[in-house]
Amino acid sequence: MRSKQGSTATQYFWGIADIFLEREDVTEGKLMDFPCLHVNGNFFSTCDHRSGDLIVKLPQARVTELIDSGAGEAFTPAGRTFKEWVLIKRRSKNAWVELMNESLAFVARKTG
């Protein structure tokens, strides 16, 4: 899947995503035509295919916290704000792994 849609912009994300794809409950899928990661069949993380910026699903309060601190931005594809999704521009492997783990745990709890 990613080989067809992968780009230079998304390589950083997929390098980190490979860590998560070692888990039995994590698979690749699509979210709004973006390649993404699923846990138990539900989306938890993706990246903007144009910029490579991280996009993760988190509790609304955590999204607000990340936006208010300047660490994240609202995820607003086509002008619609997704309240449980946040976009992270700053590339940091440790921060991305932490946020993706947080997202995975949040989505797994919701769908568990």
PDB file of N, CA and C in Angstrom:
ATOM      1  N   MET A   1       0.820  -1.191   0.000  1.00  0.00           N
ATOM      2  CA  MET A   1       0.000   0.000   0.000  1.00  0.00           C
ATOM      3  C   MET A   1       0.865   1.255   0.000  1.00  0.00           C
ATOM      4  N   ARG A   2       1.795   1.358   0.904  1.00  0.00           N
ATOM      5  CA  ARG A   2       2.583   2.588   0.967  1.00  0.00           C
ATOM      6  C   ARG A   2       3.509   2.742  -0.223  1.00  0.00           C
ATOM      7  N   SER A   3       3.918   1.626  -0.822  1.00  0.00           N
ATOM      8  CA  SER A   3       4.825   1.736  -1.954  1.00  0.00           C
ATOM      9  C   SER A   3       4.172   2.484  -3.112  1.00  0.00           C
ATOM     10  N   LYS A   4       2.871   2.371  -3.254  1.00  0.00           N
ATOM     11  CA  LYS A   4       2.164   3.067  -4.319  1.00  0.00           C
ATOM     12  C   LYS A   4       1.943   4.531  -3.970  1.00  0.00           C
ATOM     13  N   GLN A   5       1.782   4.834  -2.667  1.00  0.00           N
ATOM     14  CA  GLN A   5       1.445   6.190  -2.276  1.00  0.00           C
ATOM     15  C   GLN A   5       2.552   6.884  -1.503  1.00  0.00           C
ATOM     16  N   GLY A   6       3.617   6.162  -1.247  1.00  0.00           N
ATOM     17  CA  GLY A   6       4.706   6.748  -0.486  1.00  0.00           C
ATOM     18  C   GLY A   6       5.396   7.858  -1.259  1.00  0.00           C
ATOM     19  N   SER A   7       5.983   8.769  -0.548  1.00  0.00           N
ATOM     20  CA  SER A   7       6.713   9.856  -1.185  1.00  0.00           C
ATOM     21  C   SER A   7       7.870  10.230  -0.279  1.00  0.00           C
ATOM     22  N   THR A   8       8.734  11.074  -0.776  1.00  0.00           N
ATOM     23  CA  THR A   8       9.840  11.552   0.044  1.00  0.00           C
ATOM     24  C   THR A   8       9.308  12.192   1.314  1.00  0.00           C
ATOM     25  N   ALA A   9       8.191  12.922   1.214  1.00  0.00           N
ATOM     26  CA  ALA A   9       7.610  13.606   2.368  1.00  0.00           C
ATOM     27  C   ALA A   9       7.177  12.630   3.450  1.00  0.00           C
ATOM     28  N   THR A  10       6.724  11.446   3.077  1.00  0.00           N
ATOM     29  CA  THR A  10       6.180  10.513   4.063  1.00  0.00           C
ATOM     30  C   THR A  10       7.201   9.504   4.586  1.00  0.00           C
ATOM     31  N   GLN A  11       8.405   9.509   4.064  1.00  0.00           N
ATOM     32  CA  GLN A  11       9.405   8.519   4.477  1.00  0.00           C
ATOM     33  C   GLN A  11       9.715   8.588   5.967  1.00  0.00           C
ATOM     34  N   TYR A  12       9.773   9.784   6.535  1.00  0.00           N
ATOM     35  CA  TYR A  12      10.074   9.925   7.964  1.00  0.00           C
ATOM     36  C   TYR A  12       8.996   9.223   8.792  1.00  0.00           C
ATOM     37  N   PHE A  13       7.736   9.473   8.446  1.00  0.00           N
ATOM     38  CA  PHE A  13       6.621   8.827   9.152  1.00  0.00           C
ATOM     39  C   PHE A  13       6.726   7.309   9.060  1.00  0.00           C
ATOM     40  N   TRP A  14       6.932   6.783   7.842  1.00  0.00           N
ATOM     41  CA  TRP A  14       6.956   5.332   7.669  1.00  0.00           C
ATOM     42  C   TRP A  14       8.152   4.683   8.343  1.00  0.00           C
ATOM     43  N   GLY A  15       9.240   5.416   8.477  1.00  0.00           N
ATOM     44  CA  GLY A  15      10.372   4.893   9.237  1.00  0.00           C
ATOM     45  C   GLY A  15       9.995   4.640  10.690  1.00  0.00           C
ATOM     46  N   ILE A  16       9.199   5.527  11.242  1.00  0.00           N
ATOM     47  CA  ILE A  16       8.721   5.361  12.619  1.00  0.00           C
ATOM     48  C   ILE A  16       7.567   4.363  12.667  1.00  0.00           C
ATOM     49  N   ALA A  17       6.700   4.402  11.672  1.00  0.00           N
ATOM     50  CA  ALA A  17       5.548   3.494  11.629  1.00  0.00           C
ATOM     51  C   ALA A  17       5.982   2.029  11.639  1.00  0.00           C
ATOM     52  N   ASP A  18       7.133   1.747  11.052  1.00  0.00           N
ATOM     53  CA  ASP A  18       7.614   0.366  11.027  1.00  0.00           C
ATOM     54  C   ASP A  18       7.745  -0.225  12.429  1.00  0.00           C
ATOM     55  N   ILE A  19       8.059   0.611  13.408  1.00  0.00           N
ATOM     56  CA  ILE A  19       8.142   0.155  14.806  1.00  0.00           C
ATOM     57  C   ILE A  19       6.789  -0.400  15.238  1.00  0.00           C
ATOM     58  N   PHE A  20       5.716   0.300  14.870  1.00  0.00           N
ATOM     59  CA  PHE A  20       4.364  -0.083  15.275  1.00  0.00           C
ATOM     60  C   PHE A  20       3.842  -1.267  14.464  1.00  0.00           C
ATOM     61  N   LEU A  21       4.281  -1.372  13.228  1.00  0.00           N
ATOM     62  CA  LEU A  21       3.818  -2.464  12.368  1.00  0.00           C
ATOM     63  C   LEU A  21       4.381  -3.820  12.790  1.00  0.00           C
ATOM     64  N   GLU A  22       5.310  -3.833  13.722  1.00  0.00           N
ATOM     65  CA  GLU A  22       5.805  -5.092  14.274  1.00  0.00           C
ATOM     66  C   GLU A  22       4.774  -5.725  15.216  1.00  0.00           C
ATOM     67  N   ARG A  23       3.817  -4.940  15.669  1.00  0.00           N
ATOM     68  CA  ARG A  23       2.770  -5.436  16.565  1.00  0.00           C
ATOM     69  C   ARG A  23       1.701  -6.176  15.766  1.00  0.00           C
ATOM     70  N   GLU A  24       1.143  -7.221  16.347  1.00  0.00           N
ATOM     71  CA  GLU A  24       0.096  -7.994  15.672  1.00  0.00           C
ATOM     72  C   GLU A  24      -1.191  -7.207  15.475  1.00  0.00           C
ATOM     73  N   ASP A  25      -1.487  -6.275  16.379  1.00  0.00           N
ATOM     74  CA  ASP A  25      -2.758  -5.561  16.310  1.00  0.00           C
ATOM     75  C   ASP A  25      -2.696  -4.278  15.478  1.00  0.00           C
ATOM     76  N   VAL A  26      -1.542  -3.969  14.902  1.00  0.00           N
ATOM     77  CA  VAL A  26      -1.385  -2.758  14.085  1.00  0.00           C
ATOM     78  C   VAL A  26      -1.201  -3.153  12.623  1.00  0.00           C
ATOM     79  N   THR A  27      -1.982  -2.494  11.759  1.00  0.00           N
ATOM     80  CA  THR A  27      -1.920  -2.747  10.328  1.00  0.00           C
ATOM     81  C   THR A  27      -1.960  -1.425   9.563  1.00  0.00           C
ATOM     82  N   GLU A  28      -1.620  -1.511   8.290  1.00  0.00           N
ATOM     83  CA  GLU A  28      -1.751  -0.347   7.409  1.00  0.00           C
ATOM     84  C   GLU A  28      -3.168  -0.291   6.863  1.00  0.00           C
ATOM     85  N   GLY A  29      -3.645   0.913   6.622  1.00  0.00           N
ATOM     86  CA  GLY A  29      -4.955   1.103   6.016  1.00  0.00           C
ATOM     87  C   GLY A  29      -4.997   2.458   5.350  1.00  0.00           C
ATOM     88  N   LYS A  30      -6.198   2.982   5.163  1.00  0.00           N
ATOM     89  CA  LYS A  30      -6.364   4.302   4.565  1.00  0.00           C
ATOM     90  C   LYS A  30      -7.329   5.128   5.405  1.00  0.00           C
ATOM     91  N   LEU A  31      -7.024   6.415   5.491  1.00  0.00           N
ATOM     92  CA  LEU A  31      -7.884   7.399   6.148  1.00  0.00           C
ATOM     93  C   LEU A  31      -7.982   8.574   5.187  1.00  0.00           C
ATOM     94  N   MET A  32      -9.167   8.841   4.665  1.00  0.00           N
ATOM     95  CA  MET A  32      -9.364   9.912   3.699  1.00  0.00           C
ATOM     96  C   MET A  32      -8.331   9.829   2.570  1.00  0.00           C
ATOM     97  N   ASP A  33      -8.082   8.630   2.124  1.00  0.00           N
ATOM     98  CA  ASP A  33      -7.136   8.331   1.055  1.00  0.00           C
ATOM     99  C   ASP A  33      -5.663   8.508   1.444  1.00  0.00           C
ATOM    100  N   PHE A  34      -5.384   8.778   2.734  1.00  0.00           N
ATOM    101  CA  PHE A  34      -4.003   8.822   3.227  1.00  0.00           C
ATOM    102  C   PHE A  34      -3.670   7.433   3.757  1.00  0.00           C
ATOM    103  N   PRO A  35      -2.503   6.887   3.442  1.00  0.00           N
ATOM    104  CA  PRO A  35      -2.085   5.664   4.111  1.00  0.00           C
ATOM    105  C   PRO A  35      -1.956   5.951   5.609  1.00  0.00           C
ATOM    106  N   CYS A  36      -2.407   5.029   6.433  1.00  0.00           N
ATOM    107  CA  CYS A  36      -2.383   5.272   7.873  1.00  0.00           C
ATOM    108  C   CYS A  36      -2.173   3.967   8.632  1.00  0.00           C
ATOM    109  N   LEU A  37      -2.123   4.098   9.948  1.00  0.00           N
ATOM    110  CA  LEU A  37      -2.003   2.942  10.828  1.00  0.00           C
ATOM    111  C   LEU A  37      -3.330   2.712  11.540  1.00  0.00           C
ATOM    112  N   HIS A  38      -3.697   1.445  11.641  1.00  0.00           N
ATOM    113  CA  HIS A  38      -4.906   1.027  12.348  1.00  0.00           C
ATOM    114  C   HIS A  38      -4.494   0.189  13.551  1.00  0.00           C
ATOM    115  N   VAL A  39      -5.279   0.265  14.611  1.00  0.00           N
ATOM    116  CA  VAL A  39      -5.169  -0.688  15.715  1.00  0.00           C
ATOM    117  C   VAL A  39      -6.549  -1.326  15.846  1.00  0.00           C
ATOM    118  N   ASN A  40      -6.579  -2.639  15.806  1.00  0.00           N
ATOM    119  CA  ASN A  40      -7.845  -3.370  15.852  1.00  0.00           C
ATOM    120  C   ASN A  40      -8.836  -2.832  14.822  1.00  0.00           C
ATOM    121  N   GLY A  41      -8.330  -2.442  13.645  1.00  0.00           N
ATOM    122  CA  GLY A  41      -9.183  -1.980  12.561  1.00  0.00           C
ATOM    123  C   GLY A  41      -9.598  -0.524  12.609  1.00  0.00           C
ATOM    124  N   ASN A  42      -9.103   0.251  13.593  1.00  0.00           N
ATOM    125  CA  ASN A  42      -9.473   1.663  13.720  1.00  0.00           C
ATOM    126  C   ASN A  42      -8.253   2.560  13.575  1.00  0.00           C
ATOM    127  N   PHE A  43      -8.434   3.692  12.887  1.00  0.00           N
ATOM    128  CA  PHE A  43      -7.345   4.615  12.617  1.00  0.00           C
ATOM    129  C   PHE A  43      -6.771   5.194  13.899  1.00  0.00           C
ATOM    130  N   PHE A  44      -5.434   5.309  13.950  1.00  0.00           N
ATOM    131  CA  PHE A  44      -4.846   6.033  15.074  1.00  0.00           C
ATOM    132  C   PHE A  44      -3.739   6.989  14.658  1.00  0.00           C
ATOM    133  N   SER A  45      -3.137   6.805  13.505  1.00  0.00           N
ATOM    134  CA  SER A  45      -2.043   7.684  13.112  1.00  0.00           C
ATOM    135  C   SER A  45      -1.870   7.678  11.604  1.00  0.00           C
ATOM    136  N   THR A  46      -1.506   8.854  11.074  1.00  0.00           N
ATOM    137  CA  THR A  46      -1.212   8.998   9.662  1.00  0.00           C
ATOM    138  C   THR A  46      -0.278  10.183   9.497  1.00  0.00           C
ATOM    139  N   CYS A  47      -0.001  10.537   8.275  1.00  0.00           N
ATOM    140  CA  CYS A  47       0.765  11.752   8.018  1.00  0.00           C
ATOM    141  C   CYS A  47       0.203  12.439   6.791  1.00  0.00           C
ATOM    142  N   ASP A  48       0.413  13.721   6.731  1.00  0.00           N
ATOM    143  CA  ASP A  48      -0.011  14.486   5.567  1.00  0.00           C
ATOM    144  C   ASP A  48       0.870  14.064   4.400  1.00  0.00           C
ATOM    145  N   HIS A  49       0.264  13.566   3.343  1.00  0.00           N
ATOM    146  CA  HIS A  49       1.049  13.041   2.216  1.00  0.00           C
ATOM    147  C   HIS A  49       1.829  14.127   1.479  1.00  0.00           C
ATOM    148  N   ARG A  50       1.469  15.386   1.671  1.00  0.00           N
ATOM    149  CA  ARG A  50       2.196  16.477   0.997  1.00  0.00           C
ATOM    150  C   ARG A  50       3.405  16.931   1.812  1.00  0.00           C
ATOM    151  N   SER A  51       3.223  17.057   3.128  1.00  0.00           N
ATOM    152  CA  SER A  51       4.276  17.612   3.987  1.00  0.00           C
ATOM    153  C   SER A  51       4.990  16.567   4.834  1.00  0.00           C
ATOM    154  N   GLY A  52       4.334  15.431   5.053  1.00  0.00           N
ATOM    155  CA  GLY A  52       4.889  14.412   5.934  1.00  0.00           C
ATOM    156  C   GLY A  52       4.620  14.675   7.403  1.00  0.00           C
ATOM    157  N   ASP A  53       3.857  15.726   7.727  1.00  0.00           N
ATOM    158  CA  ASP A  53       3.564  16.048   9.122  1.00  0.00           C
ATOM    159  C   ASP A  53       2.730  14.943   9.764  1.00  0.00           C
ATOM    160  N   LEU A  54       3.020  14.669  11.025  1.00  0.00           N
ATOM    161  CA  LEU A  54       2.322  13.635  11.783  1.00  0.00           C
ATOM    162  C   LEU A  54       0.900  14.073  12.103  1.00  0.00           C
ATOM    163  N   ILE A  55      -0.042  13.138  12.019  1.00  0.00           N
ATOM    164  CA  ILE A  55      -1.430  13.367  12.408  1.00  0.00           C
ATOM    165  C   ILE A  55      -1.827  12.194  13.291  1.00  0.00           C
ATOM    166  N   VAL A  56      -2.255  12.493  14.529  1.00  0.00           N
ATOM    167  CA  VAL A  56      -2.627  11.439  15.469  1.00  0.00           C
ATOM    168  C   VAL A  56      -3.979  11.731  16.095  1.00  0.00           C
ATOM    169  N   LYS A  57      -4.661  10.661  16.487  1.00  0.00           N
ATOM    170  CA  LYS A  57      -5.949  10.760  17.165  1.00  0.00           C
ATOM    171  C   LYS A  57      -5.714  10.657  18.667  1.00  0.00           C
ATOM    172  N   LEU A  58      -6.220  11.653  19.403  1.00  0.00           N
ATOM    173  CA  LEU A  58      -6.042  11.725  20.857  1.00  0.00           C
ATOM    174  C   LEU A  58      -7.316  12.282  21.486  1.00  0.00           C
ATOM    175  N   PRO A  59      -7.463  12.157  22.795  1.00  0.00           N
ATOM    176  CA  PRO A  59      -8.631  12.771  23.442  1.00  0.00           C
ATOM    177  C   PRO A  59      -8.658  14.280  23.160  1.00  0.00           C
ATOM    178  N   GLN A  60      -9.847  14.823  23.030  1.00  0.00           N
ATOM    179  CA  GLN A  60     -10.000  16.240  22.688  1.00  0.00           C
ATOM    180  C   GLN A  60      -9.220  17.149  23.643  1.00  0.00           C
ATOM    181  N   ALA A  61      -9.220  16.847  24.929  1.00  0.00           N
ATOM    182  CA  ALA A  61      -8.487  17.679  25.898  1.00  0.00           C
ATOM    183  C   ALA A  61      -6.986  17.656  25.610  1.00  0.00           C
ATOM    184  N   ARG A  62      -6.465  16.510  25.219  1.00  0.00           N
ATOM    185  CA  ARG A  62      -5.036  16.398  24.902  1.00  0.00           C
ATOM    186  C   ARG A  62      -4.716  17.156  23.612  1.00  0.00           C
ATOM    187  N   VAL A  63      -5.603  17.085  22.628  1.00  0.00           N
ATOM    188  CA  VAL A  63      -5.422  17.839  21.386  1.00  0.00           C
ATOM    189  C   VAL A  63      -5.358  19.326  21.698  1.00  0.00           C
ATOM    190  N   THR A  64      -6.282  19.803  22.520  1.00  0.00           N
ATOM    191  CA  THR A  64      -6.310  21.216  22.913  1.00  0.00           C
ATOM    192  C   THR A  64      -5.021  21.601  23.624  1.00  0.00           C
ATOM    193  N   GLU A  65      -4.546  20.732  24.506  1.00  0.00           N
ATOM    194  CA  GLU A  65      -3.297  20.980  25.241  1.00  0.00           C
ATOM    195  C   GLU A  65      -2.115  21.128  24.274  1.00  0.00           C
ATOM    196  N   LEU A  66      -2.021  20.242  23.299  1.00  0.00           N
ATOM    197  CA  LEU A  66      -0.927  20.303  22.331  1.00  0.00           C
ATOM    198  C   LEU A  66      -1.006  21.563  21.468  1.00  0.00           C
ATOM    199  N   ILE A  67      -2.208  21.943  21.082  1.00  0.00           N
ATOM    200  CA  ILE A  67      -2.389  23.157  20.281  1.00  0.00           C
ATOM    201  C   ILE A  67      -2.053  24.388  21.115  1.00  0.00           C
ATOM    202  N   ASP A  68      -2.576  24.449  22.336  1.00  0.00           N
ATOM    203  CA  ASP A  68      -2.339  25.613  23.211  1.00  0.00           C
ATOM    204  C   ASP A  68      -0.859  25.789  23.546  1.00  0.00           C
ATOM    205  N   SER A  69      -0.133  24.673  23.633  1.00  0.00           N
ATOM    206  CA  SER A  69       1.295  24.750  23.966  1.00  0.00           C
ATOM    207  C   SER A  69       2.155  25.106  22.753  1.00  0.00           C
ATOM    208  N   GLY A  70       1.559  25.072  21.571  1.00  0.00           N
ATOM    209  CA  GLY A  70       2.307  25.347  20.352  1.00  0.00           C
ATOM    210  C   GLY A  70       2.960  24.113  19.745  1.00  0.00           C
ATOM    211  N   ALA A  71       2.782  22.961  20.383  1.00  0.00           N
ATOM    212  CA  ALA A  71       3.387  21.726  19.884  1.00  0.00           C
ATOM    213  C   ALA A  71       2.619  21.140  18.703  1.00  0.00           C
ATOM    214  N   GLY A  72       1.349  21.498  18.582  1.00  0.00           N
ATOM    215  CA  GLY A  72       0.514  20.947  17.517  1.00  0.00           C
ATOM    216  C   GLY A  72      -0.387  21.997  16.914  1.00  0.00           C
ATOM    217  N   GLU A  73      -1.045  21.593  15.838  1.00  0.00           N
ATOM    218  CA  GLU A  73      -2.003  22.456  15.149  1.00  0.00           C
ATOM    219  C   GLU A  73      -3.289  21.680  14.943  1.00  0.00           C
ATOM    220  N   ALA A  74      -4.376  22.409  14.827  1.00  0.00           N
ATOM    221  CA  ALA A  74      -5.656  21.768  14.528  1.00  0.00           C
ATOM    222  C   ALA A  74      -5.555  21.040  13.192  1.00  0.00           C
ATOM    223  N   PHE A  75      -6.173  19.877  13.118  1.00  0.00           N
ATOM    224  CA  PHE A  75      -6.226  19.127  11.868  1.00  0.00           C
ATOM    225  C   PHE A  75      -7.530  19.515  11.188  1.00  0.00           C
ATOM    226  N   THR A  76      -7.408  20.232  10.080  1.00  0.00           N
ATOM    227  CA  THR A  76      -8.592  20.806   9.418  1.00  0.00           C
ATOM    228  C   THR A  76      -8.606  20.527   7.917  1.00  0.00           C
ATOM    229  N   PRO A  77      -8.729  19.267   7.519  1.00  0.00           N
ATOM    230  CA  PRO A  77      -8.796  19.000   6.085  1.00  0.00           C
ATOM    231  C   PRO A  77     -10.082  19.591   5.500  1.00  0.00           C
ATOM    232  N   ALA A  78      -9.959  20.219   4.365  1.00  0.00           N
ATOM    233  CA  ALA A  78     -11.101  20.822   3.672  1.00  0.00           C
ATOM    234  C   ALA A  78     -11.867  21.798   4.570  1.00  0.00           C
ATOM    235  N   GLY A  79     -11.149  22.421   5.535  1.00  0.00           N
ATOM    236  CA  GLY A  79     -11.764  23.438   6.387  1.00  0.00           C
ATOM    237  C   GLY A  79     -12.589  22.910   7.544  1.00  0.00           C
ATOM    238  N   ARG A  80     -12.671  21.604   7.703  1.00  0.00           N
ATOM    239  CA  ARG A  80     -13.438  21.010   8.809  1.00  0.00           C
ATOM    240  C   ARG A  80     -12.473  20.574   9.907  1.00  0.00           C
ATOM    241  N   THR A  81     -12.690  21.061  11.132  1.00  0.00           N
ATOM    242  CA  THR A  81     -11.813  20.709  12.247  1.00  0.00           C
ATOM    243  C   THR A  81     -12.211  19.357  12.839  1.00  0.00           C
ATOM    244  N   PHE A  82     -11.218  18.487  12.968  1.00  0.00           N
ATOM    245  CA  PHE A  82     -11.411  17.190  13.608  1.00  0.00           C
ATOM    246  C   PHE A  82     -10.921  17.337  15.048  1.00  0.00           C
ATOM    247  N   LYS A  83     -11.842  17.339  15.998  1.00  0.00           N
ATOM    248  CA  LYS A  83     -11.532  17.676  17.389  1.00  0.00           C
ATOM    249  C   LYS A  83     -10.641  16.658  18.094  1.00  0.00           C
ATOM    250  N   GLU A  84     -10.624  15.422  17.639  1.00  0.00           N
ATOM    251  CA  GLU A  84      -9.783  14.403  18.273  1.00  0.00           C
ATOM    252  C   GLU A  84      -8.533  14.099  17.458  1.00  0.00           C
ATOM    253  N   TRP A  85      -8.179  14.987  16.544  1.00  0.00           N
ATOM    254  CA  TRP A  85      -6.984  14.794  15.731  1.00  0.00           C
ATOM    255  C   TRP A  85      -6.117  16.035  15.824  1.00  0.00           C
ATOM    256  N   VAL A  86      -4.796  15.833  15.857  1.00  0.00           N
ATOM    257  CA  VAL A  86      -3.854  16.951  15.923  1.00  0.00           C
ATOM    258  C   VAL A  86      -2.730  16.716  14.919  1.00  0.00           C
ATOM    259  N   LEU A  87      -2.253  17.795  14.339  1.00  0.00           N
ATOM    260  CA  LEU A  87      -1.168  17.751  13.368  1.00  0.00           C
ATOM    261  C   LEU A  87       0.107  18.255  14.041  1.00  0.00           C
ATOM    262  N   ILE A  88       1.174  17.491  13.906  1.00  0.00           N
ATOM    263  CA  ILE A  88       2.464  17.818  14.513  1.00  0.00           C
ATOM    264  C   ILE A  88       3.484  18.046  13.403  1.00  0.00           C
ATOM    265  N   LYS A  89       3.999  19.274  13.305  1.00  0.00           N
ATOM    266  CA  LYS A  89       4.964  19.594  12.245  1.00  0.00           C
ATOM    267  C   LYS A  89       6.400  19.273  12.645  1.00  0.00           C
ATOM    268  N   ARG A  90       6.747  19.517  13.888  1.00  0.00           N
ATOM    269  CA  ARG A  90       8.138  19.344  14.324  1.00  0.00           C
ATOM    270  C   ARG A  90       8.520  17.870  14.298  1.00  0.00           C
ATOM    271  N   ARG A  91       9.599  17.570  13.616  1.00  0.00           N
ATOM    272  CA  ARG A  91      10.055  16.188  13.529  1.00  0.00           C
ATOM    273  C   ARG A  91      10.999  15.855  14.681  1.00  0.00           C
ATOM    274  N   SER A  92      10.584  14.897  15.449  1.00  0.00           N
ATOM    275  CA  SER A  92      11.371  14.385  16.558  1.00  0.00           C
ATOM    276  C   SER A  92      10.963  12.932  16.743  1.00  0.00           C
ATOM    277  N   LYS A  93      11.889  12.029  16.505  1.00  0.00           N
ATOM    278  CA  LYS A  93      11.538  10.612  16.597  1.00  0.00           C
ATOM    279  C   LYS A  93      10.972  10.269  17.965  1.00  0.00           C
ATOM    280  N   ASN A  94      11.601  10.722  19.027  1.00  0.00           N
ATOM    281  CA  ASN A  94      11.114  10.398  20.370  1.00  0.00           C
ATOM    282  C   ASN A  94       9.718  10.950  20.601  1.00  0.00           C
ATOM    283  N   ALA A  95       9.485  12.197  20.198  1.00  0.00           N
ATOM    284  CA  ALA A  95       8.162  12.812  20.393  1.00  0.00           C
ATOM    285  C   ALA A  95       7.113  12.089  19.545  1.00  0.00           C
ATOM    286  N   TRP A  96       7.456  11.762  18.323  1.00  0.00           N
ATOM    287  CA  TRP A  96       6.485  11.084  17.460  1.00  0.00           C
ATOM    288  C   TRP A  96       6.153   9.692  17.986  1.00  0.00           C
ATOM    289  N   VAL A  97       7.158   8.944  18.429  1.00  0.00           N
ATOM    290  CA  VAL A  97       6.901   7.612  18.981  1.00  0.00           C
ATOM    291  C   VAL A  97       6.003   7.740  20.214  1.00  0.00           C
ATOM    292  N   GLU A  98       6.284   8.711  21.059  1.00  0.00           N
ATOM    293  CA  GLU A  98       5.471   8.914  22.256  1.00  0.00           C
ATOM    294  C   GLU A  98       4.022   9.258  21.890  1.00  0.00           C
ATOM    295  N   LEU A  99       3.842  10.188  20.959  1.00  0.00           N
ATOM    296  CA  LEU A  99       2.487  10.577  20.553  1.00  0.00           C
ATOM    297  C   LEU A  99       1.761   9.436  19.843  1.00  0.00           C
ATOM    298  N   MET A 100       2.464   8.683  19.035  1.00  0.00           N
ATOM    299  CA  MET A 100       1.832   7.556  18.349  1.00  0.00           C
ATOM    300  C   MET A 100       1.458   6.456  19.340  1.00  0.00           C
ATOM    301  N   ASN A 101       2.289   6.236  20.350  1.00  0.00           N
ATOM    302  CA  ASN A 101       1.934   5.279  21.408  1.00  0.00           C
ATOM    303  C   ASN A 101       0.706   5.760  22.181  1.00  0.00           C
ATOM    304  N   GLU A 102       0.681   7.046  22.482  1.00  0.00           N
ATOM    305  CA  GLU A 102      -0.460   7.643  23.179  1.00  0.00           C
ATOM    306  C   GLU A 102      -1.736   7.486  22.338  1.00  0.00           C
ATOM    307  N   SER A 103      -1.619   7.727  21.059  1.00  0.00           N
ATOM    308  CA  SER A 103      -2.748   7.598  20.146  1.00  0.00           C
ATOM    309  C   SER A 103      -3.215   6.151  20.052  1.00  0.00           C
ATOM    310  N   LEU A 104      -2.276   5.241  19.898  1.00  0.00           N
ATOM    311  CA  LEU A 104      -2.602   3.822  19.819  1.00  0.00           C
ATOM    312  C   LEU A 104      -3.363   3.378  21.069  1.00  0.00           C
ATOM    313  N   ALA A 105      -2.886   3.765  22.241  1.00  0.00           N
ATOM    314  CA  ALA A 105      -3.543   3.389  23.492  1.00  0.00           C
ATOM    315  C   ALA A 105      -4.956   3.982  23.578  1.00  0.00           C
ATOM    316  N   PHE A 106      -5.092   5.240  23.166  1.00  0.00           N
ATOM    317  CA  PHE A 106      -6.403   5.911  23.195  1.00  0.00           C
ATOM    318  C   PHE A 106      -7.397   5.201  22.288  1.00  0.00           C
ATOM    319  N   VAL A 107      -7.016   4.914  21.059  1.00  0.00           N
ATOM    320  CA  VAL A 107      -7.923   4.277  20.108  1.00  0.00           C
ATOM    321  C   VAL A 107      -8.213   2.845  20.528  1.00  0.00           C
ATOM    322  N   ALA A 108      -7.217   2.130  21.008  1.00  0.00           N
ATOM    323  CA  ALA A 108      -7.421   0.747  21.451  1.00  0.00           C
ATOM    324  C   ALA A 108      -8.415   0.702  22.616  1.00  0.00           C
ATOM    325  N   ARG A 109      -8.336   1.671  23.543  1.00  0.00           N
ATOM    326  CA  ARG A 109      -9.286   1.740  24.669  1.00  0.00           C
ATOM    327  C   ARG A 109     -10.701   2.006  24.174  1.00  0.00           C
ATOM    328  N   LYS A 110     -10.843   2.900  23.210  1.00  0.00           N
ATOM    329  CA  LYS A 110     -12.157   3.268  22.686  1.00  0.00           C
ATOM    330  C   LYS A 110     -12.825   2.095  21.960  1.00  0.00           C
ATOM    331  N   THR A 111     -12.023   1.253  21.346  1.00  0.00           N
ATOM    332  CA  THR A 111     -12.570   0.192  20.524  1.00  0.00           C
ATOM    333  C   THR A 111     -12.492  -1.182  21.186  1.00  0.00           C
ATOM    334  N   GLY A 112     -11.730  -1.229  22.287  1.00  0.00           N
ATOM    335  CA  GLY A 112     -11.410  -2.440  22.984  1.00  0.00           C
ATOM    336  C   GLY A 112     -12.470  -3.394  23.207  1.00  0.00           C
TER     337      GLY A 112
END
